[in-house]
Each structure stands twice: as structure tokens, then as C-alpha cells.
Amino acid sequence: QVHLVESGGGLVQAGGSLRLSCAASGSGFSLDTGGWYRQAPGEQRELVARVFWRGSTNYADSVKGRFTIFRDNAKNTVYLQMNSLKPEDTAVYYCYLRDRYNAEYWGQGTQVTVSS
């Protein structure tokens, strides 16, 4: 049974960096697509970044040039490197994984807080 574990959130000053990790348990897991979403209080969930199985990526306009999504298939892990963080990035970040059979999985969420 697949279970996702997120880590790497925390409190950081504006201009700082964090790296989020999302690891999928389960020996039979085969990652197709990975992504990160975020939700701030009173706001709707929004897409931050996605990485597809052939390596292509896309990003929300608000994070282009600052965030990088990448994956390690051997570890069944997707990462989000966040640089030049802004207070507007403050949110709960959720990872999303889809396997090659189109099953979907969500992480529990990790809080990212960026202070001015």
C-alpha cells in the first residue's frame, strides 16, 4: 500500500531557501508524474510545479526562476528546491504523485512560513 511522506518545511526569512521532499513507500511503486501544490489560509489550492516521467517540467508563473522540481526514481522521491523565498510563498505545501497506472496519491502537507 502506497504512502507518501513529506518533509522539509519550516520557518525561513525572506530570501532564504528550503528543500521539500516527498517519498513514496511501496516496493512496487512506479512514478509517472510528480507535483507540488500549495494552499494558503482562505485561498484555493494552486499548482506550484510538476515534473513528468520523461523529465519535462512546468511551473506557476509566481515561482519561475526561483523554484526547481526534480525527481529521483531510484528513491521514489520528488523534491522541490525553493530559493529566494517570499512571504507570499507562505502556505501548506502538498505533494502529489501519480503512478504509471494513473493511481493518484497525496502527501499529508508540510507548512512553509516565510517571514519578512
PDB file of N, CA and C in Angstrom:
ATOM      1  N   GLN A   1       0.847  -1.178   0.000  1.00  0.00           N
ATOM      2  CA  GLN A   1       0.000   0.000   0.000  1.00  0.00           C
ATOM      3  C   GLN A   1       0.890   1.239   0.000  1.00  0.00           C
ATOM      4  N   VAL A   2       0.632   2.165  -0.910  1.00  0.00           N
ATOM      5  CA  VAL A   2       1.472   3.334  -1.091  1.00  0.00           C
ATOM      6  C   VAL A   2       1.134   4.391  -0.053  1.00  0.00           C
ATOM      7  N   HIS A   3       2.182   4.969   0.527  1.00  0.00           N
ATOM      8  CA  HIS A   3       2.044   6.047   1.488  1.00  0.00           C
ATOM      9  C   HIS A   3       3.102   7.089   1.183  1.00  0.00           C
ATOM     10  N   LEU A   4       2.706   8.361   1.150  1.00  0.00           N
ATOM     11  CA  LEU A   4       3.625   9.448   0.866  1.00  0.00           C
ATOM     12  C   LEU A   4       4.015  10.149   2.157  1.00  0.00           C
ATOM     13  N   VAL A   5       5.299  10.458   2.283  1.00  0.00           N
ATOM     14  CA  VAL A   5       5.816  11.162   3.448  1.00  0.00           C
ATOM     15  C   VAL A   5       6.504  12.431   2.977  1.00  0.00           C
ATOM     16  N   GLU A   6       6.024  13.582   3.444  1.00  0.00           N
ATOM     17  CA  GLU A   6       6.613  14.866   3.120  1.00  0.00           C
ATOM     18  C   GLU A   6       7.520  15.333   4.247  1.00  0.00           C
ATOM     19  N   SER A   7       8.550  16.072   3.880  1.00  0.00           N
ATOM     20  CA  SER A   7       9.439  16.655   4.867  1.00  0.00           C
ATOM     21  C   SER A   7      10.103  17.891   4.271  1.00  0.00           C
ATOM     22  N   GLY A   8      10.704  18.710   5.135  1.00  0.00           N
ATOM     23  CA  GLY A   8      11.495  19.842   4.687  1.00  0.00           C
ATOM     24  C   GLY A   8      10.891  21.206   4.922  1.00  0.00           C
ATOM     25  N   GLY A   9       9.648  21.268   5.365  1.00  0.00           N
ATOM     26  CA  GLY A   9       9.044  22.558   5.634  1.00  0.00           C
ATOM     27  C   GLY A   9       9.615  23.196   6.884  1.00  0.00           C
ATOM     28  N   GLY A  10       9.253  24.453   7.100  1.00  0.00           N
ATOM     29  CA  GLY A  10       9.721  25.156   8.273  1.00  0.00           C
ATOM     30  C   GLY A  10       9.568  26.647   8.139  1.00  0.00           C
ATOM     31  N   LEU A  11      10.222  27.362   9.035  1.00  0.00           N
ATOM     32  CA  LEU A  11      10.204  28.819   9.073  1.00  0.00           C
ATOM     33  C   LEU A  11      11.520  29.348   8.530  1.00  0.00           C
ATOM     34  N   VAL A  12      11.437  30.296   7.605  1.00  0.00           N
ATOM     35  CA  VAL A  12      12.624  30.863   6.989  1.00  0.00           C
ATOM     36  C   VAL A  12      12.386  32.347   6.725  1.00  0.00           C
ATOM     37  N   GLN A  13      13.457  33.126   6.749  1.00  0.00           N
ATOM     38  CA  GLN A  13      13.356  34.540   6.428  1.00  0.00           C
ATOM     39  C   GLN A  13      13.278  34.754   4.925  1.00  0.00           C
ATOM     40  N   ALA A  14      12.673  35.863   4.528  1.00  0.00           N
ATOM     41  CA  ALA A  14      12.612  36.212   3.117  1.00  0.00           C
ATOM     42  C   ALA A  14      14.004  36.202   2.507  1.00  0.00           C
ATOM     43  N   GLY A  15      14.098  35.626   1.317  1.00  0.00           N
ATOM     44  CA  GLY A  15      15.372  35.479   0.644  1.00  0.00           C
ATOM     45  C   GLY A  15      16.066  34.161   0.915  1.00  0.00           C
ATOM     46  N   GLY A  16      15.576  33.395   1.876  1.00  0.00           N
ATOM     47  CA  GLY A  16      16.172  32.126   2.220  1.00  0.00           C
ATOM     48  C   GLY A  16      15.704  31.000   1.324  1.00  0.00           C
ATOM     49  N   SER A  17      16.131  29.782   1.674  1.00  0.00           N
ATOM     50  CA  SER A  17      15.853  28.602   0.860  1.00  0.00           C
ATOM     51  C   SER A  17      15.365  27.448   1.718  1.00  0.00           C
ATOM     52  N   LEU A  18      14.568  26.592   1.110  1.00  0.00           N
ATOM     53  CA  LEU A  18      14.140  25.334   1.699  1.00  0.00           C
ATOM     54  C   LEU A  18      14.079  24.287   0.602  1.00  0.00           C
ATOM     55  N   ARG A  19      14.240  23.039   0.992  1.00  0.00           N
ATOM     56  CA  ARG A  19      14.044  21.932   0.069  1.00  0.00           C
ATOM     57  C   ARG A  19      13.010  20.983   0.637  1.00  0.00           C
ATOM     58  N   LEU A  20      11.942  20.769  -0.104  1.00  0.00           N
ATOM     59  CA  LEU A  20      10.900  19.835   0.278  1.00  0.00           C
ATOM     60  C   LEU A  20      11.137  18.484  -0.380  1.00  0.00           C
ATOM     61  N   SER A  21      10.809  17.429   0.347  1.00  0.00           N
ATOM     62  CA  SER A  21      10.935  16.077  -0.169  1.00  0.00           C
ATOM     63  C   SER A  21       9.607  15.355  -0.028  1.00  0.00           C
ATOM     64  N   CYS A  22       9.330  14.489  -0.971  1.00  0.00           N
ATOM     65  CA  CYS A  22       8.136  13.650  -0.939  1.00  0.00           C
ATOM     66  C   CYS A  22       8.541  12.258  -1.364  1.00  0.00           C
ATOM     67  N   ALA A  23       8.489  11.323  -0.437  1.00  0.00           N
ATOM     68  CA  ALA A  23       8.928   9.953  -0.685  1.00  0.00           C
ATOM     69  C   ALA A  23       7.742   9.002  -0.647  1.00  0.00           C
ATOM     70  N   ALA A  24       7.666   8.134  -1.627  1.00  0.00           N
ATOM     71  CA  ALA A  24       6.610   7.142  -1.715  1.00  0.00           C
ATOM     72  C   ALA A  24       7.117   5.801  -1.221  1.00  0.00           C
ATOM     73  N   SER A  25       6.406   5.214  -0.281  1.00  0.00           N
ATOM     74  CA  SER A  25       6.704   3.864   0.162  1.00  0.00           C
ATOM     75  C   SER A  25       6.019   2.865  -0.763  1.00  0.00           C
ATOM     76  N   GLY A  26       6.459   1.610  -0.670  1.00  0.00           N
ATOM     77  CA  GLY A  26       5.893   0.579  -1.515  1.00  0.00           C
ATOM     78  C   GLY A  26       6.877   0.129  -2.570  1.00  0.00           C
ATOM     79  N   SER A  27       7.283  -1.116  -2.500  1.00  0.00           N
ATOM     80  CA  SER A  27       8.310  -1.626  -3.408  1.00  0.00           C
ATOM     81  C   SER A  27       7.854  -1.676  -4.854  1.00  0.00           C
ATOM     82  N   GLY A  28       6.544  -1.760  -5.075  1.00  0.00           N
ATOM     83  CA  GLY A  28       6.039  -1.850  -6.433  1.00  0.00           C
ATOM     84  C   GLY A  28       5.681  -0.525  -7.074  1.00  0.00           C
ATOM     85  N   PHE A  29       5.983   0.572  -6.406  1.00  0.00           N
ATOM     86  CA  PHE A  29       5.592   1.875  -6.925  1.00  0.00           C
ATOM     87  C   PHE A  29       6.427   2.255  -8.133  1.00  0.00           C
ATOM     88  N   SER A  30       5.767   2.793  -9.157  1.00  0.00           N
ATOM     89  CA  SER A  30       6.428   3.271 -10.366  1.00  0.00           C
ATOM     90  C   SER A  30       5.918   4.671 -10.664  1.00  0.00           C
ATOM     91  N   LEU A  31       6.767   5.658 -10.456  1.00  0.00           N
ATOM     92  CA  LEU A  31       6.369   7.050 -10.562  1.00  0.00           C
ATOM     93  C   LEU A  31       6.215   7.475 -12.011  1.00  0.00           C
ATOM     94  N   ASP A  32       5.101   8.100 -12.315  1.00  0.00           N
ATOM     95  CA  ASP A  32       4.875   8.698 -13.622  1.00  0.00           C
ATOM     96  C   ASP A  32       5.037  10.212 -13.547  1.00  0.00           C
ATOM     97  N   THR A  33       4.227  10.859 -12.749  1.00  0.00           N
ATOM     98  CA  THR A  33       4.222  12.305 -12.627  1.00  0.00           C
ATOM     99  C   THR A  33       4.262  12.710 -11.158  1.00  0.00           C
ATOM    100  N   GLY A  34       5.043  13.725 -10.854  1.00  0.00           N
ATOM    101  CA  GLY A  34       5.080  14.279  -9.519  1.00  0.00           C
ATOM    102  C   GLY A  34       4.795  15.766  -9.539  1.00  0.00           C
ATOM    103  N   GLY A  35       4.228  16.265  -8.462  1.00  0.00           N
ATOM    104  CA  GLY A  35       3.917  17.677  -8.411  1.00  0.00           C
ATOM    105  C   GLY A  35       3.810  18.190  -6.999  1.00  0.00           C
ATOM    106  N   TRP A  36       3.841  19.503  -6.896  1.00  0.00           N
ATOM    107  CA  TRP A  36       3.650  20.192  -5.631  1.00  0.00           C
ATOM    108  C   TRP A  36       2.551  21.226  -5.786  1.00  0.00           C
ATOM    109  N   TYR A  37       1.666  21.254  -4.811  1.00  0.00           N
ATOM    110  CA  TYR A  37       0.595  22.230  -4.724  1.00  0.00           C
ATOM    111  C   TYR A  37       0.700  22.933  -3.381  1.00  0.00           C
ATOM    112  N   ARG A  38       0.094  24.105  -3.284  1.00  0.00           N
ATOM    113  CA  ARG A  38       0.097  24.803  -2.007  1.00  0.00           C
ATOM    114  C   ARG A  38      -1.248  25.474  -1.770  1.00  0.00           C
ATOM    115  N   GLN A  39      -1.542  25.682  -0.489  1.00  0.00           N
ATOM    116  CA  GLN A  39      -2.788  26.321  -0.100  1.00  0.00           C
ATOM    117  C   GLN A  39      -2.529  27.228   1.094  1.00  0.00           C
ATOM    118  N   ALA A  40      -2.822  28.509   0.920  1.00  0.00           N
ATOM    119  CA  ALA A  40      -2.723  29.484   1.986  1.00  0.00           C
ATOM    120  C   ALA A  40      -4.083  29.644   2.654  1.00  0.00           C
ATOM    121  N   PRO A  41      -4.116  30.121   3.904  1.00  0.00           N
ATOM    122  CA  PRO A  41      -5.400  30.302   4.591  1.00  0.00           C
ATOM    123  C   PRO A  41      -6.354  31.187   3.795  1.00  0.00           C
ATOM    124  N   GLY A  42      -7.580  30.715   3.620  1.00  0.00           N
ATOM    125  CA  GLY A  42      -8.581  31.467   2.895  1.00  0.00           C
ATOM    126  C   GLY A  42      -8.428  31.448   1.393  1.00  0.00           C
ATOM    127  N   GLU A  43      -7.472  30.688   0.879  1.00  0.00           N
ATOM    128  CA  GLU A  43      -7.219  30.635  -0.553  1.00  0.00           C
ATOM    129  C   GLU A  43      -7.450  29.223  -1.083  1.00  0.00           C
ATOM    130  N   GLN A  44      -7.644  29.133  -2.383  1.00  0.00           N
ATOM    131  CA  GLN A  44      -7.773  27.835  -3.027  1.00  0.00           C
ATOM    132  C   GLN A  44      -6.402  27.210  -3.267  1.00  0.00           C
ATOM    133  N   ARG A  45      -6.399  25.904  -3.370  1.00  0.00           N
ATOM    134  CA  ARG A  45      -5.177  25.196  -3.707  1.00  0.00           C
ATOM    135  C   ARG A  45      -4.702  25.609  -5.091  1.00  0.00           C
ATOM    136  N   GLU A  46      -3.394  25.780  -5.245  1.00  0.00           N
ATOM    137  CA  GLU A  46      -2.847  26.149  -6.526  1.00  0.00           C
ATOM    138  C   GLU A  46      -1.654  25.270  -6.862  1.00  0.00           C
ATOM    139  N   LEU A  47      -1.471  25.051  -8.144  1.00  0.00           N
ATOM    140  CA  LEU A  47      -0.325  24.288  -8.623  1.00  0.00           C
ATOM    141  C   LEU A  47       0.939  25.121  -8.493  1.00  0.00           C
ATOM    142  N   VAL A  48       1.998  24.506  -7.989  1.00  0.00           N
ATOM    143  CA  VAL A  48       3.303  25.142  -7.895  1.00  0.00           C
ATOM    144  C   VAL A  48       4.224  24.651  -9.004  1.00  0.00           C
ATOM    145  N   ALA A  49       4.370  23.337  -9.123  1.00  0.00           N
ATOM    146  CA  ALA A  49       5.291  22.766 -10.098  1.00  0.00           C
ATOM    147  C   ALA A  49       4.931  21.320 -10.357  1.00  0.00           C
ATOM    148  N   ARG A  50       5.272  20.832 -11.555  1.00  0.00           N
ATOM    149  CA  ARG A  50       5.090  19.437 -11.919  1.00  0.00           C
ATOM    150  C   ARG A  50       6.302  18.944 -12.689  1.00  0.00           C
ATOM    151  N   VAL A  51       6.608  17.660 -12.543  1.00  0.00           N
ATOM    152  CA  VAL A  51       7.630  17.004 -13.337  1.00  0.00           C
ATOM    153  C   VAL A  51       7.027  15.725 -13.893  1.00  0.00           C
ATOM    154  N   PHE A  52       7.189  15.522 -15.198  1.00  0.00           N
ATOM    155  CA  PHE A  52       6.607  14.382 -15.878  1.00  0.00           C
ATOM    156  C   PHE A  52       7.641  13.279 -16.055  1.00  0.00           C
ATOM    157  N   TRP A  53       7.173  12.110 -16.446  1.00  0.00           N
ATOM    158  CA  TRP A  53       8.053  10.936 -16.396  1.00  0.00           C
ATOM    159  C   TRP A  53       9.224  11.036 -17.355  1.00  0.00           C
ATOM    160  N   ARG A  54       9.093  11.794 -18.427  1.00  0.00           N
ATOM    161  CA  ARG A  54      10.211  11.976 -19.344  1.00  0.00           C
ATOM    162  C   ARG A  54      11.106  13.147 -18.950  1.00  0.00           C
ATOM    163  N   GLY A  55      10.780  13.808 -17.849  1.00  0.00           N
ATOM    164  CA  GLY A  55      11.638  14.844 -17.319  1.00  0.00           C
ATOM    165  C   GLY A  55      11.203  16.266 -17.570  1.00  0.00           C
ATOM    166  N   SER A  56      10.199  16.475 -18.389  1.00  0.00           N
ATOM    167  CA  SER A  56       9.735  17.834 -18.624  1.00  0.00           C
ATOM    168  C   SER A  56       9.067  18.383 -17.367  1.00  0.00           C
ATOM    169  N   THR A  57       9.066  19.692 -17.244  1.00  0.00           N
ATOM    170  CA  THR A  57       8.536  20.351 -16.059  1.00  0.00           C
ATOM    171  C   THR A  57       7.685  21.544 -16.446  1.00  0.00           C
ATOM    172  N   ASN A  58       6.838  21.967 -15.539  1.00  0.00           N
ATOM    173  CA  ASN A  58       6.204  23.265 -15.658  1.00  0.00           C
ATOM    174  C   ASN A  58       6.032  23.868 -14.268  1.00  0.00           C
ATOM    175  N   TYR A  59       5.863  25.195 -14.245  1.00  0.00           N
ATOM    176  CA  TYR A  59       5.840  25.950 -13.003  1.00  0.00           C
ATOM    177  C   TYR A  59       4.774  27.025 -13.051  1.00  0.00           C
ATOM    178  N   ALA A  60       4.259  27.358 -11.885  1.00  0.00           N
ATOM    179  CA  ALA A  60       3.435  28.544 -11.780  1.00  0.00           C
ATOM    180  C   ALA A  60       4.285  29.777 -12.079  1.00  0.00           C
ATOM    181  N   ASP A  61       3.678  30.768 -12.705  1.00  0.00           N
ATOM    182  CA  ASP A  61       4.424  31.978 -13.049  1.00  0.00           C
ATOM    183  C   ASP A  61       5.061  32.625 -11.819  1.00  0.00           C
ATOM    184  N   SER A  62       4.406  32.529 -10.690  1.00  0.00           N
ATOM    185  CA  SER A  62       4.881  33.193  -9.483  1.00  0.00           C
ATOM    186  C   SER A  62       6.174  32.603  -8.929  1.00  0.00           C
ATOM    187  N   VAL A  63       6.540  31.380  -9.346  1.00  0.00           N
ATOM    188  CA  VAL A  63       7.733  30.742  -8.798  1.00  0.00           C
ATOM    189  C   VAL A  63       8.809  30.493  -9.846  1.00  0.00           C
ATOM    190  N   LYS A  64       8.557  30.801 -11.099  1.00  0.00           N
ATOM    191  CA  LYS A  64       9.545  30.571 -12.146  1.00  0.00           C
ATOM    192  C   LYS A  64      10.831  31.329 -11.851  1.00  0.00           C
ATOM    193  N   GLY A  65      11.937  30.639 -12.024  1.00  0.00           N
ATOM    194  CA  GLY A  65      13.232  31.227 -11.753  1.00  0.00           C
ATOM    195  C   GLY A  65      13.673  31.120 -10.320  1.00  0.00           C
ATOM    196  N   ARG A  66      12.780  30.718  -9.424  1.00  0.00           N
ATOM    197  CA  ARG A  66      13.106  30.597  -8.004  1.00  0.00           C
ATOM    198  C   ARG A  66      13.014  29.155  -7.502  1.00  0.00           C
ATOM    199  N   PHE A  67      12.054  28.395  -8.012  1.00  0.00           N
ATOM    200  CA  PHE A  67      11.830  27.021  -7.563  1.00  0.00           C
ATOM    201  C   PHE A  67      12.266  26.044  -8.651  1.00  0.00           C
ATOM    202  N   THR A  68      12.723  24.870  -8.226  1.00  0.00           N
ATOM    203  CA  THR A  68      13.086  23.802  -9.138  1.00  0.00           C
ATOM    204  C   THR A  68      12.520  22.486  -8.622  1.00  0.00           C
ATOM    205  N   ILE A  69      11.807  21.770  -9.477  1.00  0.00           N
ATOM    206  CA  ILE A  69      11.301  20.452  -9.129  1.00  0.00           C
ATOM    207  C   ILE A  69      12.175  19.404  -9.817  1.00  0.00           C
ATOM    208  N   PHE A  70      12.506  18.350  -9.095  1.00  0.00           N
ATOM    209  CA  PHE A  70      13.264  17.260  -9.677  1.00  0.00           C
ATOM    210  C   PHE A  70      12.928  15.968  -8.954  1.00  0.00           C
ATOM    211  N   ARG A  71      13.386  14.865  -9.508  1.00  0.00           N
ATOM    212  CA  ARG A  71      12.987  13.551  -9.007  1.00  0.00           C
ATOM    213  C   ARG A  71      14.156  12.594  -8.966  1.00  0.00           C
ATOM    214  N   ASP A  72      14.044  11.605  -8.108  1.00  0.00           N
ATOM    215  CA  ASP A  72      14.991  10.508  -8.018  1.00  0.00           C
ATOM    216  C   ASP A  72      14.163   9.231  -8.063  1.00  0.00           C
ATOM    217  N   ASN A  73      14.076   8.631  -9.237  1.00  0.00           N
ATOM    218  CA  ASN A  73      13.223   7.464  -9.405  1.00  0.00           C
ATOM    219  C   ASN A  73      13.687   6.274  -8.567  1.00  0.00           C
ATOM    220  N   ALA A  74      14.989   6.142  -8.384  1.00  0.00           N
ATOM    221  CA  ALA A  74      15.512   5.035  -7.591  1.00  0.00           C
ATOM    222  C   ALA A  74      15.038   5.106  -6.144  1.00  0.00           C
ATOM    223  N   LYS A  75      14.789   6.311  -5.656  1.00  0.00           N
ATOM    224  CA  LYS A  75      14.330   6.506  -4.283  1.00  0.00           C
ATOM    225  C   LYS A  75      12.836   6.792  -4.200  1.00  0.00           C
ATOM    226  N   ASN A  76      12.151   6.781  -5.342  1.00  0.00           N
ATOM    227  CA  ASN A  76      10.721   7.106  -5.389  1.00  0.00           C
ATOM    228  C   ASN A  76      10.430   8.425  -4.675  1.00  0.00           C
ATOM    229  N   THR A  77      11.234   9.426  -4.989  1.00  0.00           N
ATOM    230  CA  THR A  77      11.167  10.694  -4.287  1.00  0.00           C
ATOM    231  C   THR A  77      11.122  11.854  -5.274  1.00  0.00           C
ATOM    232  N   VAL A  78      10.294  12.839  -4.964  1.00  0.00           N
ATOM    233  CA  VAL A  78      10.221  14.092  -5.698  1.00  0.00           C
ATOM    234  C   VAL A  78      10.603  15.220  -4.753  1.00  0.00           C
ATOM    235  N   TYR A  79      11.364  16.175  -5.263  1.00  0.00           N
ATOM    236  CA  TYR A  79      11.863  17.281  -4.466  1.00  0.00           C
ATOM    237  C   TYR A  79      11.380  18.609  -5.033  1.00  0.00           C
ATOM    238  N   LEU A  80      11.323  19.596  -4.170  1.00  0.00           N
ATOM    239  CA  LEU A  80      11.089  20.967  -4.588  1.00  0.00           C
ATOM    240  C   LEU A  80      12.123  21.845  -3.902  1.00  0.00           C
ATOM    241  N   GLN A  81      13.068  22.360  -4.687  1.00  0.00           N
ATOM    242  CA  GLN A  81      14.055  23.292  -4.175  1.00  0.00           C
ATOM    243  C   GLN A  81      13.501  24.699  -4.309  1.00  0.00           C
ATOM    244  N   MET A  82      13.391  25.405  -3.198  1.00  0.00           N
ATOM    245  CA  MET A  82      12.795  26.730  -3.166  1.00  0.00           C
ATOM    246  C   MET A  82      13.854  27.735  -2.735  1.00  0.00           C
ATOM    247  N   ASN A  83      14.174  28.652  -3.627  1.00  0.00           N
ATOM    248  CA  ASN A  83      15.148  29.701  -3.361  1.00  0.00           C
ATOM    249  C   ASN A  83      14.479  31.063  -3.436  1.00  0.00           C
ATOM    250  N   SER A  84      15.153  32.052  -2.886  1.00  0.00           N
ATOM    251  CA  SER A  84      14.651  33.431  -2.901  1.00  0.00           C
ATOM    252  C   SER A  84      13.207  33.492  -2.423  1.00  0.00           C
ATOM    253  N   LEU A  85      12.946  32.859  -1.301  1.00  0.00           N
ATOM    254  CA  LEU A  85      11.579  32.759  -0.800  1.00  0.00           C
ATOM    255  C   LEU A  85      11.022  34.124  -0.413  1.00  0.00           C
ATOM    256  N   LYS A  86       9.727  34.274  -0.643  1.00  0.00           N
ATOM    257  CA  LYS A  86       8.998  35.500  -0.354  1.00  0.00           C
ATOM    258  C   LYS A  86       7.889  35.209   0.642  1.00  0.00           C
ATOM    259  N   PRO A  87       7.438  36.220   1.393  1.00  0.00           N
ATOM    260  CA  PRO A  87       6.306  35.999   2.294  1.00  0.00           C
ATOM    261  C   PRO A  87       5.075  35.443   1.585  1.00  0.00           C
ATOM    262  N   GLU A  88       4.885  35.793   0.323  1.00  0.00           N
ATOM    263  CA  GLU A  88       3.753  35.289  -0.448  1.00  0.00           C
ATOM    264  C   GLU A  88       3.818  33.784  -0.681  1.00  0.00           C
ATOM    265  N   ASP A  89       4.967  33.165  -0.445  1.00  0.00           N
ATOM    266  CA  ASP A  89       5.099  31.720  -0.584  1.00  0.00           C
ATOM    267  C   ASP A  89       4.581  30.967   0.631  1.00  0.00           C
ATOM    268  N   THR A  90       4.236  31.662   1.690  1.00  0.00           N
ATOM    269  CA  THR A  90       3.750  31.019   2.904  1.00  0.00           C
ATOM    270  C   THR A  90       2.468  30.242   2.623  1.00  0.00           C
ATOM    271  N   ALA A  91       2.474  28.954   2.944  1.00  0.00           N
ATOM    272  CA  ALA A  91       1.337  28.086   2.668  1.00  0.00           C
ATOM    273  C   ALA A  91       1.646  26.693   3.190  1.00  0.00           C
ATOM    274  N   VAL A  92       0.636  25.842   3.176  1.00  0.00           N
ATOM    275  CA  VAL A  92       0.853  24.418   3.356  1.00  0.00           C
ATOM    276  C   VAL A  92       1.107  23.825   1.978  1.00  0.00           C
ATOM    277  N   TYR A  93       2.194  23.092   1.853  1.00  0.00           N
ATOM    278  CA  TYR A  93       2.587  22.501   0.584  1.00  0.00           C
ATOM    279  C   TYR A  93       2.264  21.015   0.598  1.00  0.00           C
ATOM    280  N   TYR A  94       1.607  20.563  -0.465  1.00  0.00           N
ATOM    281  CA  TYR A  94       1.192  19.172  -0.603  1.00  0.00           C
ATOM    282  C   TYR A  94       1.854  18.564  -1.834  1.00  0.00           C
ATOM    283  N   CYS A  95       2.421  17.391  -1.661  1.00  0.00           N
ATOM    284  CA  CYS A  95       2.940  16.701  -2.829  1.00  0.00           C
ATOM    285  C   CYS A  95       1.870  15.805  -3.423  1.00  0.00           C
ATOM    286  N   TYR A  96       1.978  15.599  -4.708  1.00  0.00           N
ATOM    287  CA  TYR A  96       1.044  14.790  -5.481  1.00  0.00           C
ATOM    288  C   TYR A  96       1.859  13.874  -6.377  1.00  0.00           C
ATOM    289  N   LEU A  97       1.583  12.587  -6.307  1.00  0.00           N
ATOM    290  CA  LEU A  97       2.249  11.616  -7.170  1.00  0.00           C
ATOM    291  C   LEU A  97       1.215  10.799  -7.924  1.00  0.00           C
ATOM    292  N   ARG A  98       1.527  10.525  -9.157  1.00  0.00           N
ATOM    293  CA  ARG A  98       0.703   9.657  -9.985  1.00  0.00           C
ATOM    294  C   ARG A  98       1.584   8.547 -10.533  1.00  0.00           C
ATOM    295  N   ASP A  99       1.130   7.301 -10.388  1.00  0.00           N
ATOM    296  CA  ASP A  99       1.930   6.201 -10.901  1.00  0.00           C
ATOM    297  C   ASP A  99       1.576   5.923 -12.355  1.00  0.00           C
ATOM    298  N   ARG A 100       2.272   4.970 -12.939  1.00  0.00           N
ATOM    299  CA  ARG A 100       2.093   4.728 -14.372  1.00  0.00           C
ATOM    300  C   ARG A 100       0.763   4.085 -14.697  1.00  0.00           C
ATOM    301  N   TYR A 101       0.024   3.657 -13.679  1.00  0.00           N
ATOM    302  CA  TYR A 101      -1.313   3.122 -13.871  1.00  0.00           C
ATOM    303  C   TYR A 101      -2.388   4.165 -13.574  1.00  0.00           C
ATOM    304  N   ASN A 102      -1.968   5.405 -13.371  1.00  0.00           N
ATOM    305  CA  ASN A 102      -2.831   6.556 -13.141  1.00  0.00           C
ATOM    306  C   ASN A 102      -3.492   6.583 -11.771  1.00  0.00           C
ATOM    307  N   ALA A 103      -2.992   5.817 -10.826  1.00  0.00           N
ATOM    308  CA  ALA A 103      -3.415   5.982  -9.444  1.00  0.00           C
ATOM    309  C   ALA A 103      -2.799   7.254  -8.873  1.00  0.00           C
ATOM    310  N   GLU A 104      -3.544   7.953  -8.041  1.00  0.00           N
ATOM    311  CA  GLU A 104      -3.125   9.240  -7.505  1.00  0.00           C
ATOM    312  C   GLU A 104      -2.958   9.180  -5.989  1.00  0.00           C
ATOM    313  N   TYR A 105      -1.937   9.877  -5.505  1.00  0.00           N
ATOM    314  CA  TYR A 105      -1.616   9.887  -4.085  1.00  0.00           C
ATOM    315  C   TYR A 105      -1.258  11.298  -3.650  1.00  0.00           C
ATOM    316  N   TRP A 106      -1.648  11.640  -2.424  1.00  0.00           N
ATOM    317  CA  TRP A 106      -1.360  12.946  -1.840  1.00  0.00           C
ATOM    318  C   TRP A 106      -0.594  12.797  -0.537  1.00  0.00           C
ATOM    319  N   GLY A 107       0.341  13.707  -0.308  1.00  0.00           N
ATOM    320  CA  GLY A 107       1.028  13.767   0.963  1.00  0.00           C
ATOM    321  C   GLY A 107       0.195  14.466   2.022  1.00  0.00           C
ATOM    322  N   GLN A 108       0.682  14.437   3.256  1.00  0.00           N
ATOM    323  CA  GLN A 108      -0.072  14.988   4.376  1.00  0.00           C
ATOM    324  C   GLN A 108       0.028  16.504   4.480  1.00  0.00           C
ATOM    325  N   GLY A 109       0.940  17.114   3.762  1.00  0.00           N
ATOM    326  CA  GLY A 109       1.148  18.547   3.802  1.00  0.00           C
ATOM    327  C   GLY A 109       2.262  18.932   4.758  1.00  0.00           C
ATOM    328  N   THR A 110       3.019  19.952   4.383  1.00  0.00           N
ATOM    329  CA  THR A 110       4.070  20.482   5.240  1.00  0.00           C
ATOM    330  C   THR A 110       4.011  22.009   5.196  1.00  0.00           C
ATOM    331  N   GLN A 111       4.115  22.630   6.360  1.00  0.00           N
ATOM    332  CA  GLN A 111       3.975  24.079   6.464  1.00  0.00           C
ATOM    333  C   GLN A 111       5.271  24.774   6.077  1.00  0.00           C
ATOM    334  N   VAL A 112       5.152  25.767   5.206  1.00  0.00           N
ATOM    335  CA  VAL A 112       6.251  26.661   4.866  1.00  0.00           C
ATOM    336  C   VAL A 112       5.834  28.067   5.261  1.00  0.00           C
ATOM    337  N   THR A 113       6.623  28.702   6.111  1.00  0.00           N
ATOM    338  CA  THR A 113       6.344  30.058   6.563  1.00  0.00           C
ATOM    339  C   THR A 113       7.558  30.927   6.268  1.00  0.00           C
ATOM    340  N   VAL A 114       7.335  32.020   5.548  1.00  0.00           N
ATOM    341  CA  VAL A 114       8.399  32.936   5.164  1.00  0.00           C
ATOM    342  C   VAL A 114       8.126  34.276   5.828  1.00  0.00           C
ATOM    343  N   SER A 115       9.038  34.714   6.668  1.00  0.00           N
ATOM    344  CA  SER A 115       8.882  35.968   7.385  1.00  0.00           C
ATOM    345  C   SER A 115       9.551  37.110   6.635  1.00  0.00           C
ATOM    346  N   SER A 116       9.048  38.320   6.860  1.00  0.00           N
ATOM    347  CA  SER A 116       9.593  39.500   6.208  1.00  0.00           C
ATOM    348  C   SER A 116      10.922  39.906   6.824  1.00  0.00           C
TER     349      SER A 116
END
